[in-house]
Amino acid sequence: KRELLAKMREYQTQRENNVHLDRNITLMEWSDQWYEGYADQVQPSTYASYLYTLKIIQSHLGDRKLAQILPMDIESFIRTLSKGYSESQVSKCRSMLIQIYDEADANGLVARNPARKAKKPRNIKAPVDVSKAKGHNPGFSDTKDLCINYLFFWGRIV
């Protein structure tokens, strides 16, 4: 057991020694570089669609220093996104951040990947306002009537 712990410490020390943190590179700068290098790994249509997701990330975190973003910053970003974007888009942003930081880690730019350490939100769906549903009758007397109207409008059971 001691031998294993010693090897683990040695590995961690070597890993930390190989990390050359660039405290000045921003997420914007690194993600642009990552995006350019990603072009030959995916289909052109996929590459083009990634730009939309990248721009969302950059508009919120782009000016921050790459090595100074913490898991709590990523969690805050995800919570903010969930208020205005679909669950799918929020998930794409989180996945892209993981990829960006994995590549930064592989290149010795960061000591850890904060996107991997960030807690994945359990429920990021935006609340549905049934009162805006077509055919909503604000005079419903009970929840049962409201549920029936909701099912009629959406055509499915939630």
N, C-alpha and C. Protein backbone atom coordinates (compact mmCIF):
# COMPACT_ATOMS: atom_id res chain seq x y z
N LYS A 1 0.83 -1.20 0.00
CA LYS A 1 0.00 0.00 0.00
C LYS A 1 0.88 1.26 0.00
N ARG A 2 1.92 1.27 0.82
CA ARG A 2 2.81 2.43 0.86
C ARG A 2 3.50 2.64 -0.48
N GLU A 3 3.86 1.52 -1.09
CA GLU A 3 4.54 1.59 -2.38
C GLU A 3 3.62 2.21 -3.43
N LEU A 4 2.37 1.80 -3.41
CA LEU A 4 1.39 2.34 -4.34
C LEU A 4 1.18 3.84 -4.12
N LEU A 5 1.05 4.25 -2.86
CA LEU A 5 0.89 5.68 -2.55
C LEU A 5 2.11 6.48 -2.99
N ALA A 6 3.30 5.92 -2.78
CA ALA A 6 4.53 6.60 -3.21
C ALA A 6 4.55 6.77 -4.72
N LYS A 7 4.13 5.74 -5.45
CA LYS A 7 4.10 5.83 -6.92
C LYS A 7 3.06 6.84 -7.38
N MET A 8 1.94 6.88 -6.68
CA MET A 8 0.91 7.85 -7.04
C MET A 8 1.40 9.28 -6.81
N ARG A 9 2.09 9.51 -5.71
CA ARG A 9 2.65 10.85 -5.44
C ARG A 9 3.70 11.22 -6.48
N GLU A 10 4.53 10.25 -6.83
CA GLU A 10 5.57 10.50 -7.83
C GLU A 10 4.93 10.85 -9.18
N TYR A 11 3.89 10.11 -9.55
CA TYR A 11 3.18 10.39 -10.80
C TYR A 11 2.58 11.80 -10.78
N GLN A 12 1.95 12.15 -9.67
CA GLN A 12 1.33 13.48 -9.55
C GLN A 12 2.38 14.58 -9.64
N THR A 13 3.52 14.38 -8.99
CA THR A 13 4.61 15.37 -9.04
C THR A 13 5.13 15.52 -10.45
N GLN A 14 5.32 14.40 -11.15
CA GLN A 14 5.78 14.46 -12.54
C GLN A 14 4.76 15.18 -13.41
N ARG A 15 3.51 14.87 -13.19
CA ARG A 15 2.45 15.51 -13.97
C ARG A 15 2.45 17.02 -13.74
N GLU A 16 2.54 17.42 -12.48
CA GLU A 16 2.55 18.85 -12.16
C GLU A 16 3.78 19.54 -12.73
N ASN A 17 4.89 18.84 -12.77
CA ASN A 17 6.13 19.42 -13.34
C ASN A 17 6.02 19.60 -14.84
N ASN A 18 5.20 18.81 -15.49
CA ASN A 18 5.03 18.90 -16.94
C ASN A 18 3.96 19.90 -17.34
N VAL A 19 3.27 20.46 -16.38
CA VAL A 19 2.24 21.46 -16.67
C VAL A 19 2.91 22.83 -16.71
N HIS A 20 2.73 23.49 -17.83
CA HIS A 20 3.31 24.82 -18.01
C HIS A 20 2.17 25.82 -18.09
N LEU A 21 1.66 26.18 -16.95
CA LEU A 21 0.50 27.06 -16.92
C LEU A 21 0.83 28.41 -17.54
N ASP A 22 0.03 28.77 -18.51
CA ASP A 22 0.12 30.10 -19.11
C ASP A 22 -0.98 30.92 -18.46
N ARG A 23 -0.61 31.69 -17.48
CA ARG A 23 -1.60 32.45 -16.70
C ARG A 23 -2.25 33.58 -17.51
N ASN A 24 -1.72 33.88 -18.68
CA ASN A 24 -2.27 34.99 -19.45
C ASN A 24 -3.23 34.58 -20.55
N ILE A 25 -3.22 33.32 -20.96
CA ILE A 25 -4.10 32.89 -22.06
C ILE A 25 -5.54 32.85 -21.56
N THR A 26 -6.42 33.43 -22.35
CA THR A 26 -7.83 33.46 -21.98
C THR A 26 -8.55 32.25 -22.59
N LEU A 27 -9.73 32.00 -22.09
CA LEU A 27 -10.54 30.92 -22.66
C LEU A 27 -10.83 31.21 -24.12
N MET A 28 -11.05 32.47 -24.45
CA MET A 28 -11.31 32.87 -25.84
C MET A 28 -10.14 32.48 -26.75
N GLU A 29 -8.93 32.84 -26.33
CA GLU A 29 -7.75 32.53 -27.14
C GLU A 29 -7.55 31.03 -27.31
N TRP A 30 -7.64 30.30 -26.20
CA TRP A 30 -7.42 28.86 -26.28
C TRP A 30 -8.54 28.16 -27.05
N SER A 31 -9.79 28.57 -26.83
CA SER A 31 -10.90 27.89 -27.52
C SER A 31 -10.87 28.16 -29.03
N ASP A 32 -10.41 29.34 -29.43
CA ASP A 32 -10.24 29.60 -30.87
C ASP A 32 -9.18 28.67 -31.46
N GLN A 33 -8.08 28.50 -30.73
CA GLN A 33 -7.01 27.61 -31.18
C GLN A 33 -7.52 26.16 -31.21
N TRP A 34 -8.25 25.76 -30.18
CA TRP A 34 -8.82 24.41 -30.12
C TRP A 34 -9.77 24.19 -31.31
N TYR A 35 -10.61 25.19 -31.57
CA TYR A 35 -11.59 25.07 -32.64
C TYR A 35 -10.91 24.91 -34.00
N GLU A 36 -9.87 25.67 -34.25
CA GLU A 36 -9.13 25.55 -35.51
C GLU A 36 -8.55 24.15 -35.66
N GLY A 37 -8.01 23.59 -34.59
CA GLY A 37 -7.42 22.27 -34.64
C GLY A 37 -8.46 21.15 -34.73
N TYR A 38 -9.71 21.47 -34.43
CA TYR A 38 -10.77 20.47 -34.43
C TYR A 38 -11.33 20.22 -35.83
N ALA A 39 -11.01 21.08 -36.77
CA ALA A 39 -11.59 21.04 -38.11
C ALA A 39 -11.38 19.70 -38.81
N ASP A 40 -10.24 19.09 -38.65
CA ASP A 40 -9.96 17.84 -39.36
C ASP A 40 -10.45 16.60 -38.61
N GLN A 41 -11.11 16.79 -37.49
CA GLN A 41 -11.59 15.66 -36.69
C GLN A 41 -13.07 15.36 -36.89
N VAL A 42 -13.80 16.29 -37.52
CA VAL A 42 -15.24 16.12 -37.70
C VAL A 42 -15.64 16.52 -39.12
N GLN A 43 -16.87 16.20 -39.47
CA GLN A 43 -17.41 16.59 -40.78
C GLN A 43 -17.54 18.12 -40.84
N PRO A 44 -17.43 18.70 -42.05
CA PRO A 44 -17.55 20.15 -42.18
C PRO A 44 -18.86 20.72 -41.61
N SER A 45 -19.96 20.01 -41.77
CA SER A 45 -21.23 20.51 -41.25
C SER A 45 -21.22 20.53 -39.72
N THR A 46 -20.62 19.52 -39.11
CA THR A 46 -20.51 19.46 -37.65
C THR A 46 -19.60 20.58 -37.16
N TYR A 47 -18.50 20.77 -37.86
CA TYR A 47 -17.55 21.82 -37.51
C TYR A 47 -18.23 23.18 -37.53
N ALA A 48 -19.02 23.43 -38.55
CA ALA A 48 -19.73 24.71 -38.67
C ALA A 48 -20.74 24.88 -37.55
N SER A 49 -21.44 23.81 -37.18
CA SER A 49 -22.44 23.92 -36.12
C SER A 49 -21.80 24.14 -34.75
N TYR A 50 -20.57 23.67 -34.58
CA TYR A 50 -19.85 23.87 -33.32
C TYR A 50 -19.58 25.35 -33.05
N LEU A 51 -19.49 26.13 -34.11
CA LEU A 51 -19.16 27.55 -33.95
C LEU A 51 -20.24 28.26 -33.13
N TYR A 52 -21.50 27.91 -33.32
CA TYR A 52 -22.58 28.53 -32.56
C TYR A 52 -22.40 28.28 -31.07
N THR A 53 -22.13 27.02 -30.72
CA THR A 53 -21.92 26.65 -29.32
C THR A 53 -20.69 27.35 -28.76
N LEU A 54 -19.63 27.39 -29.54
CA LEU A 54 -18.40 28.06 -29.10
C LEU A 54 -18.65 29.54 -28.81
N LYS A 55 -19.41 30.19 -29.65
CA LYS A 55 -19.70 31.62 -29.45
C LYS A 55 -20.49 31.86 -28.16
N ILE A 56 -21.39 30.93 -27.82
CA ILE A 56 -22.13 31.07 -26.56
C ILE A 56 -21.15 31.00 -25.39
N ILE A 57 -20.26 30.03 -25.42
CA ILE A 57 -19.27 29.87 -24.35
C ILE A 57 -18.39 31.10 -24.26
N GLN A 58 -17.89 31.54 -25.39
CA GLN A 58 -16.99 32.69 -25.41
C GLN A 58 -17.67 33.97 -24.94
N SER A 59 -18.95 34.12 -25.23
CA SER A 59 -19.64 35.34 -24.82
C SER A 59 -19.80 35.41 -23.30
N HIS A 60 -19.79 34.27 -22.63
CA HIS A 60 -19.95 34.24 -21.18
C HIS A 60 -18.63 34.11 -20.42
N LEU A 61 -17.69 33.34 -20.96
CA LEU A 61 -16.45 33.05 -20.23
C LEU A 61 -15.18 33.42 -20.99
N GLY A 62 -15.32 33.91 -22.19
CA GLY A 62 -14.17 34.13 -23.07
C GLY A 62 -13.09 35.04 -22.53
N ASP A 63 -13.45 36.05 -21.77
CA ASP A 63 -12.46 37.01 -21.28
C ASP A 63 -11.73 36.51 -20.03
N ARG A 64 -12.18 35.40 -19.47
CA ARG A 64 -11.56 34.86 -18.25
C ARG A 64 -10.28 34.11 -18.59
N LYS A 65 -9.33 34.10 -17.68
CA LYS A 65 -8.09 33.36 -17.85
C LYS A 65 -8.39 31.87 -17.79
N LEU A 66 -7.87 31.12 -18.73
CA LEU A 66 -8.13 29.69 -18.86
C LEU A 66 -7.84 28.94 -17.57
N ALA A 67 -6.70 29.20 -16.96
CA ALA A 67 -6.27 28.45 -15.78
C ALA A 67 -6.95 28.92 -14.50
N GLN A 68 -7.71 30.00 -14.56
CA GLN A 68 -8.35 30.52 -13.35
C GLN A 68 -9.83 30.19 -13.25
N ILE A 69 -10.38 29.55 -14.26
CA ILE A 69 -11.80 29.18 -14.21
C ILE A 69 -11.94 27.94 -13.34
N LEU A 70 -12.86 28.02 -12.40
CA LEU A 70 -13.08 26.95 -11.42
C LEU A 70 -14.35 26.17 -11.74
N PRO A 71 -14.51 24.97 -11.16
CA PRO A 71 -15.75 24.23 -11.36
C PRO A 71 -16.99 25.05 -10.99
N MET A 72 -16.91 25.85 -9.94
CA MET A 72 -18.08 26.66 -9.55
C MET A 72 -18.40 27.71 -10.62
N ASP A 73 -17.41 28.17 -11.37
CA ASP A 73 -17.66 29.10 -12.47
C ASP A 73 -18.42 28.41 -13.60
N ILE A 74 -18.04 27.16 -13.87
CA ILE A 74 -18.72 26.38 -14.91
C ILE A 74 -20.17 26.11 -14.48
N GLU A 75 -20.36 25.75 -13.21
CA GLU A 75 -21.71 25.50 -12.70
C GLU A 75 -22.58 26.75 -12.81
N SER A 76 -22.02 27.89 -12.48
CA SER A 76 -22.75 29.16 -12.59
C SER A 76 -23.11 29.45 -14.04
N PHE A 77 -22.17 29.21 -14.93
CA PHE A 77 -22.39 29.40 -16.37
C PHE A 77 -23.55 28.51 -16.85
N ILE A 78 -23.55 27.25 -16.44
CA ILE A 78 -24.60 26.32 -16.84
C ILE A 78 -25.96 26.77 -16.31
N ARG A 79 -26.00 27.22 -15.06
CA ARG A 79 -27.26 27.71 -14.49
C ARG A 79 -27.78 28.92 -15.26
N THR A 80 -26.87 29.82 -15.61
CA THR A 80 -27.25 31.00 -16.38
C THR A 80 -27.79 30.60 -17.75
N LEU A 81 -27.12 29.68 -18.41
CA LEU A 81 -27.56 29.23 -19.73
C LEU A 81 -28.93 28.58 -19.67
N SER A 82 -29.19 27.82 -18.62
CA SER A 82 -30.44 27.07 -18.52
C SER A 82 -31.65 27.98 -18.46
N LYS A 83 -31.45 29.24 -18.18
CA LYS A 83 -32.56 30.19 -18.13
C LYS A 83 -32.95 30.71 -19.51
N GLY A 84 -32.08 30.56 -20.50
CA GLY A 84 -32.39 31.11 -21.80
C GLY A 84 -32.16 30.19 -22.99
N TYR A 85 -31.60 29.01 -22.75
CA TYR A 85 -31.30 28.08 -23.84
C TYR A 85 -31.94 26.72 -23.55
N SER A 86 -32.08 25.94 -24.60
CA SER A 86 -32.67 24.61 -24.46
C SER A 86 -31.73 23.70 -23.67
N GLU A 87 -32.31 22.64 -23.15
CA GLU A 87 -31.52 21.65 -22.41
C GLU A 87 -30.43 21.07 -23.32
N SER A 88 -30.76 20.86 -24.57
CA SER A 88 -29.81 20.31 -25.54
C SER A 88 -28.62 21.26 -25.73
N GLN A 89 -28.91 22.54 -25.89
CA GLN A 89 -27.83 23.51 -26.10
C GLN A 89 -26.95 23.65 -24.86
N VAL A 90 -27.56 23.62 -23.69
CA VAL A 90 -26.80 23.69 -22.44
C VAL A 90 -25.86 22.48 -22.35
N SER A 91 -26.37 21.32 -22.70
CA SER A 91 -25.57 20.10 -22.68
C SER A 91 -24.42 20.19 -23.68
N LYS A 92 -24.68 20.75 -24.85
CA LYS A 92 -23.62 20.92 -25.86
C LYS A 92 -22.52 21.85 -25.35
N CYS A 93 -22.91 22.92 -24.68
CA CYS A 93 -21.92 23.86 -24.13
C CYS A 93 -21.05 23.17 -23.07
N ARG A 94 -21.69 22.41 -22.19
CA ARG A 94 -20.94 21.71 -21.15
C ARG A 94 -19.98 20.69 -21.78
N SER A 95 -20.46 19.94 -22.76
CA SER A 95 -19.60 18.95 -23.42
C SER A 95 -18.43 19.61 -24.14
N MET A 96 -18.69 20.74 -24.78
CA MET A 96 -17.62 21.43 -25.48
C MET A 96 -16.58 21.96 -24.49
N LEU A 97 -17.02 22.48 -23.37
CA LEU A 97 -16.07 22.94 -22.35
C LEU A 97 -15.19 21.79 -21.86
N ILE A 98 -15.78 20.62 -21.69
CA ILE A 98 -14.99 19.45 -21.29
C ILE A 98 -13.93 19.15 -22.34
N GLN A 99 -14.31 19.19 -23.61
CA GLN A 99 -13.35 18.92 -24.69
C GLN A 99 -12.25 19.98 -24.75
N ILE A 100 -12.64 21.23 -24.61
CA ILE A 100 -11.66 22.32 -24.66
C ILE A 100 -10.64 22.17 -23.54
N TYR A 101 -11.13 21.89 -22.33
CA TYR A 101 -10.22 21.74 -21.19
C TYR A 101 -9.43 20.44 -21.22
N ASP A 102 -10.01 19.38 -21.79
CA ASP A 102 -9.23 18.14 -21.95
C ASP A 102 -8.01 18.40 -22.83
N GLU A 103 -8.23 19.14 -23.90
CA GLU A 103 -7.12 19.45 -24.82
C GLU A 103 -6.11 20.39 -24.15
N ALA A 104 -6.60 21.33 -23.36
CA ALA A 104 -5.69 22.23 -22.63
C ALA A 104 -4.86 21.43 -21.63
N ASP A 105 -5.49 20.48 -20.97
CA ASP A 105 -4.79 19.60 -20.02
C ASP A 105 -3.74 18.78 -20.75
N ALA A 106 -4.11 18.21 -21.90
CA ALA A 106 -3.17 17.40 -22.68
C ALA A 106 -1.97 18.21 -23.16
N ASN A 107 -2.16 19.50 -23.31
CA ASN A 107 -1.08 20.38 -23.76
C ASN A 107 -0.38 21.11 -22.62
N GLY A 108 -0.68 20.72 -21.40
CA GLY A 108 0.01 21.28 -20.25
C GLY A 108 -0.36 22.71 -19.92
N LEU A 109 -1.53 23.17 -20.35
CA LEU A 109 -1.93 24.55 -20.09
C LEU A 109 -2.69 24.72 -18.78
N VAL A 110 -3.28 23.65 -18.30
CA VAL A 110 -4.01 23.68 -17.04
C VAL A 110 -3.65 22.44 -16.22
N ALA A 111 -3.82 22.54 -14.92
CA ALA A 111 -3.49 21.44 -14.03
C ALA A 111 -4.67 20.48 -13.87
N ARG A 112 -5.89 20.95 -14.18
CA ARG A 112 -7.08 20.12 -14.06
C ARG A 112 -8.15 20.67 -14.98
N ASN A 113 -9.17 19.86 -15.19
CA ASN A 113 -10.27 20.24 -16.06
C ASN A 113 -11.47 20.64 -15.20
N PRO A 114 -11.73 21.94 -15.05
CA PRO A 114 -12.83 22.37 -14.18
C PRO A 114 -14.20 21.96 -14.72
N ALA A 115 -14.31 21.77 -16.02
CA ALA A 115 -15.60 21.36 -16.60
C ALA A 115 -15.93 19.92 -16.20
N ARG A 116 -14.92 19.08 -16.06
CA ARG A 116 -15.15 17.69 -15.61
C ARG A 116 -15.49 17.65 -14.12
N LYS A 117 -14.92 18.58 -13.37
CA LYS A 117 -15.16 18.62 -11.93
C LYS A 117 -16.48 19.29 -11.58
N ALA A 118 -17.01 20.09 -12.48
CA ALA A 118 -18.27 20.79 -12.21
C ALA A 118 -19.40 19.79 -12.11
N LYS A 119 -20.27 20.02 -11.16
CA LYS A 119 -21.42 19.14 -10.96
C LYS A 119 -22.41 19.34 -12.10
N LYS A 120 -22.85 18.23 -12.66
CA LYS A 120 -23.84 18.30 -13.73
C LYS A 120 -25.20 18.61 -13.11
N PRO A 121 -25.87 19.62 -13.62
CA PRO A 121 -27.18 19.98 -13.05
C PRO A 121 -28.18 18.86 -13.26
N ARG A 122 -29.03 18.64 -12.28
CA ARG A 122 -30.02 17.56 -12.37
C ARG A 122 -31.21 17.95 -13.23
N ASN A 123 -31.65 19.17 -13.12
CA ASN A 123 -32.83 19.58 -13.87
C ASN A 123 -32.58 20.97 -14.43
N ILE A 124 -32.25 21.03 -15.71
CA ILE A 124 -31.95 22.32 -16.32
C ILE A 124 -33.04 22.76 -17.28
N LYS A 125 -34.16 22.04 -17.29
CA LYS A 125 -35.24 22.42 -18.17
C LYS A 125 -35.87 23.73 -17.71
N ALA A 126 -36.13 24.59 -18.67
CA ALA A 126 -36.83 25.84 -18.35
C ALA A 126 -38.27 25.50 -18.00
N PRO A 127 -38.84 26.16 -16.99
CA PRO A 127 -40.22 25.85 -16.63
C PRO A 127 -41.18 26.23 -17.75
N VAL A 128 -42.19 25.42 -17.94
CA VAL A 128 -43.20 25.67 -18.96
C VAL A 128 -44.33 26.49 -18.34
N ASP A 129 -44.68 27.58 -18.99
CA ASP A 129 -45.78 28.41 -18.52
C ASP A 129 -47.04 27.98 -19.26
N VAL A 130 -47.84 27.16 -18.61
CA VAL A 130 -49.04 26.61 -19.23
C VAL A 130 -50.02 27.72 -19.59
N SER A 131 -49.99 28.83 -18.87
CA SER A 131 -50.94 29.91 -19.14
C SER A 131 -50.75 30.51 -20.53
N LYS A 132 -49.58 30.27 -21.15
CA LYS A 132 -49.33 30.79 -22.49
C LYS A 132 -49.69 29.78 -23.57
N ALA A 133 -50.14 28.61 -23.14
CA ALA A 133 -50.51 27.56 -24.09
C ALA A 133 -51.75 27.97 -24.88
N LYS A 134 -51.77 27.62 -26.15
CA LYS A 134 -52.90 27.91 -27.01
C LYS A 134 -54.14 27.23 -26.44
N GLY A 135 -55.21 27.96 -26.31
CA GLY A 135 -56.44 27.39 -25.81
C GLY A 135 -56.53 27.35 -24.30
N HIS A 136 -55.59 27.95 -23.61
CA HIS A 136 -55.64 27.95 -22.15
C HIS A 136 -56.81 28.78 -21.68
N ASN A 137 -57.58 28.22 -20.77
CA ASN A 137 -58.73 28.91 -20.22
C ASN A 137 -58.42 29.24 -18.77
N PRO A 138 -58.17 30.51 -18.45
CA PRO A 138 -57.79 30.86 -17.08
C PRO A 138 -58.90 30.61 -16.07
N GLY A 139 -60.09 30.22 -16.52
CA GLY A 139 -61.19 29.96 -15.61
C GLY A 139 -61.27 28.52 -15.14
N PHE A 140 -60.23 27.72 -15.39
CA PHE A 140 -60.26 26.33 -14.94
C PHE A 140 -60.45 26.27 -13.44
N SER A 141 -61.30 25.34 -13.04
CA SER A 141 -61.64 25.27 -11.62
C SER A 141 -60.68 24.42 -10.81
N ASP A 142 -59.99 23.50 -11.45
CA ASP A 142 -59.08 22.67 -10.66
C ASP A 142 -57.90 22.20 -11.49
N THR A 143 -56.97 21.55 -10.84
CA THR A 143 -55.74 21.08 -11.47
C THR A 143 -56.03 20.05 -12.54
N LYS A 144 -57.05 19.20 -12.33
CA LYS A 144 -57.40 18.18 -13.31
C LYS A 144 -57.73 18.83 -14.65
N ASP A 145 -58.57 19.87 -14.63
CA ASP A 145 -58.91 20.56 -15.87
C ASP A 145 -57.68 21.18 -16.53
N LEU A 146 -56.80 21.73 -15.71
CA LEU A 146 -55.58 22.33 -16.23
C LEU A 146 -54.70 21.28 -16.89
N CYS A 147 -54.57 20.10 -16.27
CA CYS A 147 -53.75 19.02 -16.82
C CYS A 147 -54.33 18.52 -18.14
N ILE A 148 -55.66 18.40 -18.20
CA ILE A 148 -56.30 17.96 -19.44
C ILE A 148 -56.03 18.95 -20.56
N ASN A 149 -56.12 20.23 -20.25
CA ASN A 149 -55.83 21.26 -21.25
C ASN A 149 -54.37 21.19 -21.69
N TYR A 150 -53.49 20.99 -20.73
CA TYR A 150 -52.06 20.89 -21.04
C TYR A 150 -51.80 19.72 -21.98
N LEU A 151 -52.39 18.55 -21.69
CA LEU A 151 -52.23 17.38 -22.52
C LEU A 151 -52.81 17.61 -23.91
N PHE A 152 -53.95 18.29 -23.98
CA PHE A 152 -54.56 18.59 -25.25
C PHE A 152 -53.64 19.48 -26.08
N PHE A 153 -53.07 20.48 -25.46
CA PHE A 153 -52.20 21.41 -26.18
C PHE A 153 -50.92 20.74 -26.63
N TRP A 154 -50.25 20.04 -25.74
CA TRP A 154 -48.94 19.46 -26.05
C TRP A 154 -49.05 18.10 -26.73
N GLY A 155 -50.18 17.42 -26.55
CA GLY A 155 -50.40 16.15 -27.23
C GLY A 155 -49.58 14.99 -26.68
N ARG A 156 -49.15 15.11 -25.45
CA ARG A 156 -48.37 14.03 -24.86
C ARG A 156 -48.43 14.13 -23.35
N ILE A 157 -48.09 13.03 -22.73
CA ILE A 157 -48.04 12.99 -21.27
C ILE A 157 -46.62 13.28 -20.84
N VAL A 158 -46.47 14.13 -19.87
CA VAL A 158 -45.15 14.51 -19.38
C VAL A 158 -44.77 13.64 -18.22
